PDB file of all heavy atoms in Angstrom:
ATOM      1  N   GLY A   1     -14.875  40.311 -13.360  1.00  0.00           N
ATOM      2  CA  GLY A   1     -16.059  40.368 -14.116  1.00  0.00           C
ATOM      3  C   GLY A   1     -16.310  38.961 -14.714  1.00  0.00           C
ATOM      4  O   GLY A   1     -15.577  37.950 -14.439  1.00  0.00           O
ATOM      5  N   MET A   2     -17.166  38.931 -15.738  1.00  0.00           N
ATOM      6  CA  MET A   2     -17.596  37.704 -16.324  1.00  0.00           C
ATOM      7  C   MET A   2     -16.625  37.484 -17.552  1.00  0.00           C
ATOM      8  O   MET A   2     -16.342  38.279 -18.394  1.00  0.00           O
ATOM      9  CB  MET A   2     -18.953  37.849 -16.946  1.00  0.00           C
ATOM     10  CG  MET A   2     -19.573  36.503 -17.492  1.00  0.00           C
ATOM     11  SD  MET A   2     -20.013  35.356 -16.192  1.00  0.00           S
ATOM     12  CE  MET A   2     -21.323  36.273 -15.328  1.00  0.00           C
ATOM     13  N   MET A   3     -16.093  36.216 -17.499  1.00  0.00           N
ATOM     14  CA  MET A   3     -15.189  35.781 -18.504  1.00  0.00           C
ATOM     15  C   MET A   3     -15.983  35.242 -19.697  1.00  0.00           C
ATOM     16  O   MET A   3     -17.165  34.689 -19.706  1.00  0.00           O
ATOM     17  CB  MET A   3     -14.224  34.618 -18.135  1.00  0.00           C
ATOM     18  CG  MET A   3     -13.137  35.105 -17.017  1.00  0.00           C
ATOM     19  SD  MET A   3     -12.085  33.792 -16.534  1.00  0.00           S
ATOM     20  CE  MET A   3     -11.386  33.379 -18.136  1.00  0.00           C
ATOM     21  N   GLN A   4     -15.271  35.233 -20.882  1.00  0.00           N
ATOM     22  CA  GLN A   4     -15.946  34.596 -22.060  1.00  0.00           C
ATOM     23  C   GLN A   4     -15.980  33.049 -21.939  1.00  0.00           C
ATOM     24  O   GLN A   4     -15.117  32.540 -21.393  1.00  0.00           O
ATOM     25  CB  GLN A   4     -15.189  35.119 -23.369  1.00  0.00           C
ATOM     26  CG  GLN A   4     -15.838  34.718 -24.631  1.00  0.00           C
ATOM     27  CD  GLN A   4     -15.053  35.309 -25.775  1.00  0.00           C
ATOM     28  OE1 GLN A   4     -14.060  35.875 -25.588  1.00  0.00           O
ATOM     29  NE2 GLN A   4     -15.655  34.935 -26.954  1.00  0.00           N
ATOM     30  N   ALA A   5     -16.905  32.597 -22.560  1.00  0.00           N
ATOM     31  CA  ALA A   5     -17.079  31.006 -22.505  1.00  0.00           C
ATOM     32  C   ALA A   5     -15.951  30.391 -23.258  1.00  0.00           C
ATOM     33  O   ALA A   5     -15.480  30.859 -24.348  1.00  0.00           O
ATOM     34  CB  ALA A   5     -18.469  30.601 -23.167  1.00  0.00           C
ATOM     35  N   GLU A   6     -15.320  29.478 -22.631  1.00  0.00           N
ATOM     36  CA  GLU A   6     -14.109  28.702 -23.232  1.00  0.00           C
ATOM     37  C   GLU A   6     -14.644  27.600 -24.216  1.00  0.00           C
ATOM     38  O   GLU A   6     -15.682  26.984 -24.004  1.00  0.00           O
ATOM     39  CB  GLU A   6     -13.393  28.086 -22.133  1.00  0.00           C
ATOM     40  CG  GLU A   6     -12.798  28.938 -21.113  1.00  0.00           C
ATOM     41  CD  GLU A   6     -12.011  28.217 -20.030  1.00  0.00           C
ATOM     42  OE1 GLU A   6     -11.915  27.108 -20.151  1.00  0.00           O
ATOM     43  OE2 GLU A   6     -11.495  28.899 -19.072  1.00  0.00           O
ATOM     44  N   ARG A   7     -13.861  27.534 -25.329  1.00  0.00           N
ATOM     45  CA  ARG A   7     -14.161  26.605 -26.427  1.00  0.00           C
ATOM     46  C   ARG A   7     -13.006  25.741 -26.551  1.00  0.00           C
ATOM     47  O   ARG A   7     -11.920  26.193 -26.580  1.00  0.00           O
ATOM     48  CB  ARG A   7     -14.571  27.317 -27.660  1.00  0.00           C
ATOM     49  CG  ARG A   7     -15.970  28.010 -27.661  1.00  0.00           C
ATOM     50  CD  ARG A   7     -16.256  28.634 -28.986  1.00  0.00           C
ATOM     51  NE  ARG A   7     -17.575  29.305 -28.878  1.00  0.00           N
ATOM     52  CZ  ARG A   7     -18.109  29.767 -29.983  1.00  0.00           C
ATOM     53  NH1 ARG A   7     -17.505  29.746 -31.126  1.00  0.00           N
ATOM     54  NH2 ARG A   7     -19.368  30.320 -29.823  1.00  0.00           N
ATOM     55  N   SER A   8     -13.327  24.453 -26.748  1.00  0.00           N
ATOM     56  CA  SER A   8     -12.270  23.454 -27.017  1.00  0.00           C
ATOM     57  C   SER A   8     -12.803  22.427 -27.933  1.00  0.00           C
ATOM     58  O   SER A   8     -13.784  22.596 -28.537  1.00  0.00           O
ATOM     59  CB  SER A   8     -11.717  22.820 -25.536  1.00  0.00           C
ATOM     60  OG  SER A   8     -10.741  22.009 -25.827  1.00  0.00           O
ATOM     61  N   HIS A   9     -12.015  21.307 -28.029  1.00  0.00           N
ATOM     62  CA  HIS A   9     -12.461  20.304 -28.933  1.00  0.00           C
ATOM     63  C   HIS A   9     -11.994  18.973 -28.364  1.00  0.00           C
ATOM     64  O   HIS A   9     -11.028  18.797 -27.580  1.00  0.00           O
ATOM     65  CB  HIS A   9     -11.865  20.499 -30.393  1.00  0.00           C
ATOM     66  CG  HIS A   9     -10.449  20.358 -30.475  1.00  0.00           C
ATOM     67  ND1 HIS A   9      -9.582  21.412 -30.307  1.00  0.00           N
ATOM     68  CD2 HIS A   9      -9.586  19.290 -30.706  1.00  0.00           C
ATOM     69  CE1 HIS A   9      -8.360  21.096 -30.468  1.00  0.00           C
ATOM     70  NE2 HIS A   9      -8.325  19.718 -30.622  1.00  0.00           N
ATOM     71  N   LEU A  10     -12.750  17.891 -28.818  1.00  0.00           N
ATOM     72  CA  LEU A  10     -12.381  16.537 -28.310  1.00  0.00           C
ATOM     73  C   LEU A  10     -11.910  15.724 -29.530  1.00  0.00           C
ATOM     74  O   LEU A  10     -12.754  15.520 -30.520  1.00  0.00           O
ATOM     75  CB  LEU A  10     -13.730  15.864 -27.697  1.00  0.00           C
ATOM     76  CG  LEU A  10     -13.464  14.374 -27.377  1.00  0.00           C
ATOM     77  CD1 LEU A  10     -12.399  14.231 -26.229  1.00  0.00           C
ATOM     78  CD2 LEU A  10     -14.841  13.780 -26.976  1.00  0.00           C
ATOM     79  N   PRO A  11     -10.677  15.543 -29.690  1.00  0.00           N
ATOM     80  CA  PRO A  11     -10.122  14.866 -30.799  1.00  0.00           C
ATOM     81  C   PRO A  11     -10.384  13.344 -30.897  1.00  0.00           C
ATOM     82  O   PRO A  11     -10.135  12.698 -29.850  1.00  0.00           O
ATOM     83  CB  PRO A  11      -8.603  15.168 -30.777  1.00  0.00           C
ATOM     84  CG  PRO A  11      -8.312  15.181 -29.312  1.00  0.00           C
ATOM     85  CD  PRO A  11      -9.567  15.932 -28.758  1.00  0.00           C
ATOM     86  N   LEU A  12     -11.046  12.833 -31.939  1.00  0.00           N
ATOM     87  CA  LEU A  12     -11.289  11.496 -32.074  1.00  0.00           C
ATOM     88  C   LEU A  12     -10.548  11.004 -33.413  1.00  0.00           C
ATOM     89  O   LEU A  12     -10.904  11.410 -34.419  1.00  0.00           O
ATOM     90  CB  LEU A  12     -12.735  11.126 -32.272  1.00  0.00           C
ATOM     91  CG  LEU A  12     -13.647  11.483 -31.076  1.00  0.00           C
ATOM     92  CD1 LEU A  12     -15.167  11.311 -31.461  1.00  0.00           C
ATOM     93  CD2 LEU A  12     -13.354  10.745 -29.902  1.00  0.00           C
ATOM     94  N   LYS A  13      -9.478  10.085 -33.060  1.00  0.00           N
ATOM     95  CA  LYS A  13      -8.662   9.688 -34.241  1.00  0.00           C
ATOM     96  C   LYS A  13      -9.594   8.807 -35.236  1.00  0.00           C
ATOM     97  O   LYS A  13     -10.460   7.965 -34.733  1.00  0.00           O
ATOM     98  CB  LYS A  13      -7.542   8.954 -33.940  1.00  0.00           C
ATOM     99  CG  LYS A  13      -6.430   9.781 -33.097  1.00  0.00           C
ATOM    100  CD  LYS A  13      -5.326   8.972 -32.712  1.00  0.00           C
ATOM    101  CE  LYS A  13      -4.574   8.461 -34.072  1.00  0.00           C
ATOM    102  NZ  LYS A  13      -3.299   7.809 -33.824  1.00  0.00           N
ATOM    103  N   ILE A  14      -9.279   8.862 -36.489  1.00  0.00           N
ATOM    104  CA  ILE A  14      -9.883   8.028 -37.366  1.00  0.00           C
ATOM    105  C   ILE A  14      -9.556   6.543 -37.162  1.00  0.00           C
ATOM    106  O   ILE A  14     -10.385   5.553 -37.178  1.00  0.00           O
ATOM    107  CB  ILE A  14      -9.552   8.349 -38.997  1.00  0.00           C
ATOM    108  CG1 ILE A  14     -10.031   9.804 -39.143  1.00  0.00           C
ATOM    109  CG2 ILE A  14     -10.170   7.380 -39.938  1.00  0.00           C
ATOM    110  CD1 ILE A  14     -11.474   9.979 -39.238  1.00  0.00           C
ATOM    111  N   ASN A  15      -8.308   6.317 -36.844  1.00  0.00           N
ATOM    112  CA  ASN A  15      -7.791   4.997 -36.554  1.00  0.00           C
ATOM    113  C   ASN A  15      -7.432   4.961 -35.049  1.00  0.00           C
ATOM    114  O   ASN A  15      -6.371   5.133 -34.633  1.00  0.00           O
ATOM    115  CB  ASN A  15      -6.643   4.564 -37.403  1.00  0.00           C
ATOM    116  CG  ASN A  15      -6.205   3.252 -36.982  1.00  0.00           C
ATOM    117  OD1 ASN A  15      -6.881   2.258 -36.449  1.00  0.00           O
ATOM    118  ND2 ASN A  15      -4.865   2.946 -37.317  1.00  0.00           N
ATOM    119  N   THR A  16      -8.438   4.806 -34.156  1.00  0.00           N
ATOM    120  CA  THR A  16      -8.352   4.883 -32.773  1.00  0.00           C
ATOM    121  C   THR A  16      -7.450   3.765 -32.302  1.00  0.00           C
ATOM    122  O   THR A  16      -6.708   3.721 -31.274  1.00  0.00           O
ATOM    123  CB  THR A  16      -9.605   4.860 -31.985  1.00  0.00           C
ATOM    124  OG1 THR A  16     -10.308   5.937 -32.482  1.00  0.00           O
ATOM    125  CG2 THR A  16      -9.455   5.173 -30.504  1.00  0.00           C
ATOM    126  N   ALA A  17      -7.555   2.536 -32.923  1.00  0.00           N
ATOM    127  CA  ALA A  17      -6.980   1.195 -32.566  1.00  0.00           C
ATOM    128  C   ALA A  17      -5.441   1.257 -32.803  1.00  0.00           C
ATOM    129  O   ALA A  17      -4.789   0.337 -32.315  1.00  0.00           O
ATOM    130  CB  ALA A  17      -7.633   0.081 -33.081  1.00  0.00           C
ATOM    131  N   GLY A  18      -5.024   1.993 -33.783  1.00  0.00           N
ATOM    132  CA  GLY A  18      -3.571   2.047 -34.180  1.00  0.00           C
ATOM    133  C   GLY A  18      -3.253   0.721 -34.881  1.00  0.00           C
ATOM    134  O   GLY A  18      -3.978   0.249 -35.769  1.00  0.00           O
ATOM    135  N   VAL A  19      -1.985   0.236 -34.471  1.00  0.00           N
ATOM    136  CA  VAL A  19      -1.494  -0.932 -35.190  1.00  0.00           C
ATOM    137  C   VAL A  19      -1.977  -2.233 -34.486  1.00  0.00           C
ATOM    138  O   VAL A  19      -1.674  -3.352 -34.955  1.00  0.00           O
ATOM    139  CB  VAL A  19      -0.020  -1.017 -35.244  1.00  0.00           C
ATOM    140  CG1 VAL A  19       0.443   0.172 -35.969  1.00  0.00           C
ATOM    141  CG2 VAL A  19       0.552  -0.996 -33.780  1.00  0.00           C
ATOM    142  N   ILE A  20      -2.827  -2.209 -33.441  1.00  0.00           N
ATOM    143  CA  ILE A  20      -3.316  -3.314 -32.802  1.00  0.00           C
ATOM    144  C   ILE A  20      -4.129  -4.376 -33.529  1.00  0.00           C
ATOM    145  O   ILE A  20      -3.814  -5.523 -33.389  1.00  0.00           O
ATOM    146  CB  ILE A  20      -4.039  -2.964 -31.434  1.00  0.00           C
ATOM    147  CG1 ILE A  20      -3.131  -1.997 -30.548  1.00  0.00           C
ATOM    148  CG2 ILE A  20      -4.598  -4.060 -30.688  1.00  0.00           C
ATOM    149  CD1 ILE A  20      -1.975  -2.743 -30.043  1.00  0.00           C
ATOM    150  N   PRO A  21      -5.113  -3.939 -34.306  1.00  0.00           N
ATOM    151  CA  PRO A  21      -5.848  -4.849 -35.094  1.00  0.00           C
ATOM    152  C   PRO A  21      -5.036  -5.758 -35.910  1.00  0.00           C
ATOM    153  O   PRO A  21      -5.344  -6.942 -36.028  1.00  0.00           O
ATOM    154  CB  PRO A  21      -6.925  -3.975 -35.892  1.00  0.00           C
ATOM    155  CG  PRO A  21      -6.995  -2.653 -35.025  1.00  0.00           C
ATOM    156  CD  PRO A  21      -5.639  -2.514 -34.439  1.00  0.00           C
ATOM    157  N   PRO A  22      -4.117  -5.219 -36.954  1.00  0.00           N
ATOM    158  CA  PRO A  22      -3.487  -6.246 -37.699  1.00  0.00           C
ATOM    159  C   PRO A  22      -2.496  -7.084 -36.980  1.00  0.00           C
ATOM    160  O   PRO A  22      -2.360  -8.234 -37.312  1.00  0.00           O
ATOM    161  CB  PRO A  22      -2.623  -5.310 -38.724  1.00  0.00           C
ATOM    162  CG  PRO A  22      -2.663  -3.970 -38.121  1.00  0.00           C
ATOM    163  CD  PRO A  22      -3.879  -3.850 -37.232  1.00  0.00           C
ATOM    164  N   ILE A  23      -1.872  -6.631 -35.905  1.00  0.00           N
ATOM    165  CA  ILE A  23      -1.016  -7.446 -35.043  1.00  0.00           C
ATOM    166  C   ILE A  23      -1.853  -8.468 -34.377  1.00  0.00           C
ATOM    167  O   ILE A  23      -1.407  -9.705 -34.403  1.00  0.00           O
ATOM    168  CB  ILE A  23      -0.298  -6.593 -33.942  1.00  0.00           C
ATOM    169  CG1 ILE A  23       0.727  -5.619 -34.730  1.00  0.00           C
ATOM    170  CG2 ILE A  23       0.369  -7.347 -33.113  1.00  0.00           C
ATOM    171  CD1 ILE A  23       1.540  -4.722 -33.782  1.00  0.00           C
ATOM    172  N   PHE A  24      -3.025  -8.228 -33.765  1.00  0.00           N
ATOM    173  CA  PHE A  24      -3.829  -9.157 -33.142  1.00  0.00           C
ATOM    174  C   PHE A  24      -4.252 -10.212 -34.114  1.00  0.00           C
ATOM    175  O   PHE A  24      -4.197 -11.345 -33.769  1.00  0.00           O
ATOM    176  CB  PHE A  24      -4.945  -8.491 -32.432  1.00  0.00           C
ATOM    177  CG  PHE A  24      -4.653  -7.805 -31.123  1.00  0.00           C
ATOM    178  CD1 PHE A  24      -3.447  -7.729 -30.721  1.00  0.00           C
ATOM    179  CD2 PHE A  24      -5.754  -7.427 -30.378  1.00  0.00           C
ATOM    180  CE1 PHE A  24      -3.096  -7.221 -29.456  1.00  0.00           C
ATOM    181  CE2 PHE A  24      -5.453  -6.897 -29.061  1.00  0.00           C
ATOM    182  CZ  PHE A  24      -4.048  -6.781 -28.663  1.00  0.00           C
ATOM    183  N   ALA A  25      -4.754  -9.745 -35.258  1.00  0.00           N
ATOM    184  CA  ALA A  25      -5.336 -10.546 -36.307  1.00  0.00           C
ATOM    185  C   ALA A  25      -4.163 -11.611 -36.793  1.00  0.00           C
ATOM    186  O   ALA A  25      -4.434 -12.842 -37.046  1.00  0.00           O
ATOM    187  CB  ALA A  25      -5.960  -9.815 -37.472  1.00  0.00           C
TER     188      ALA A  25
END
């Protein structure tokens, strides 16, 4: 039969760049 709609989430980190910006700068 018909399944229930699946729900998920897309995680977006507050600091996506990590330690790269201070190291690069």
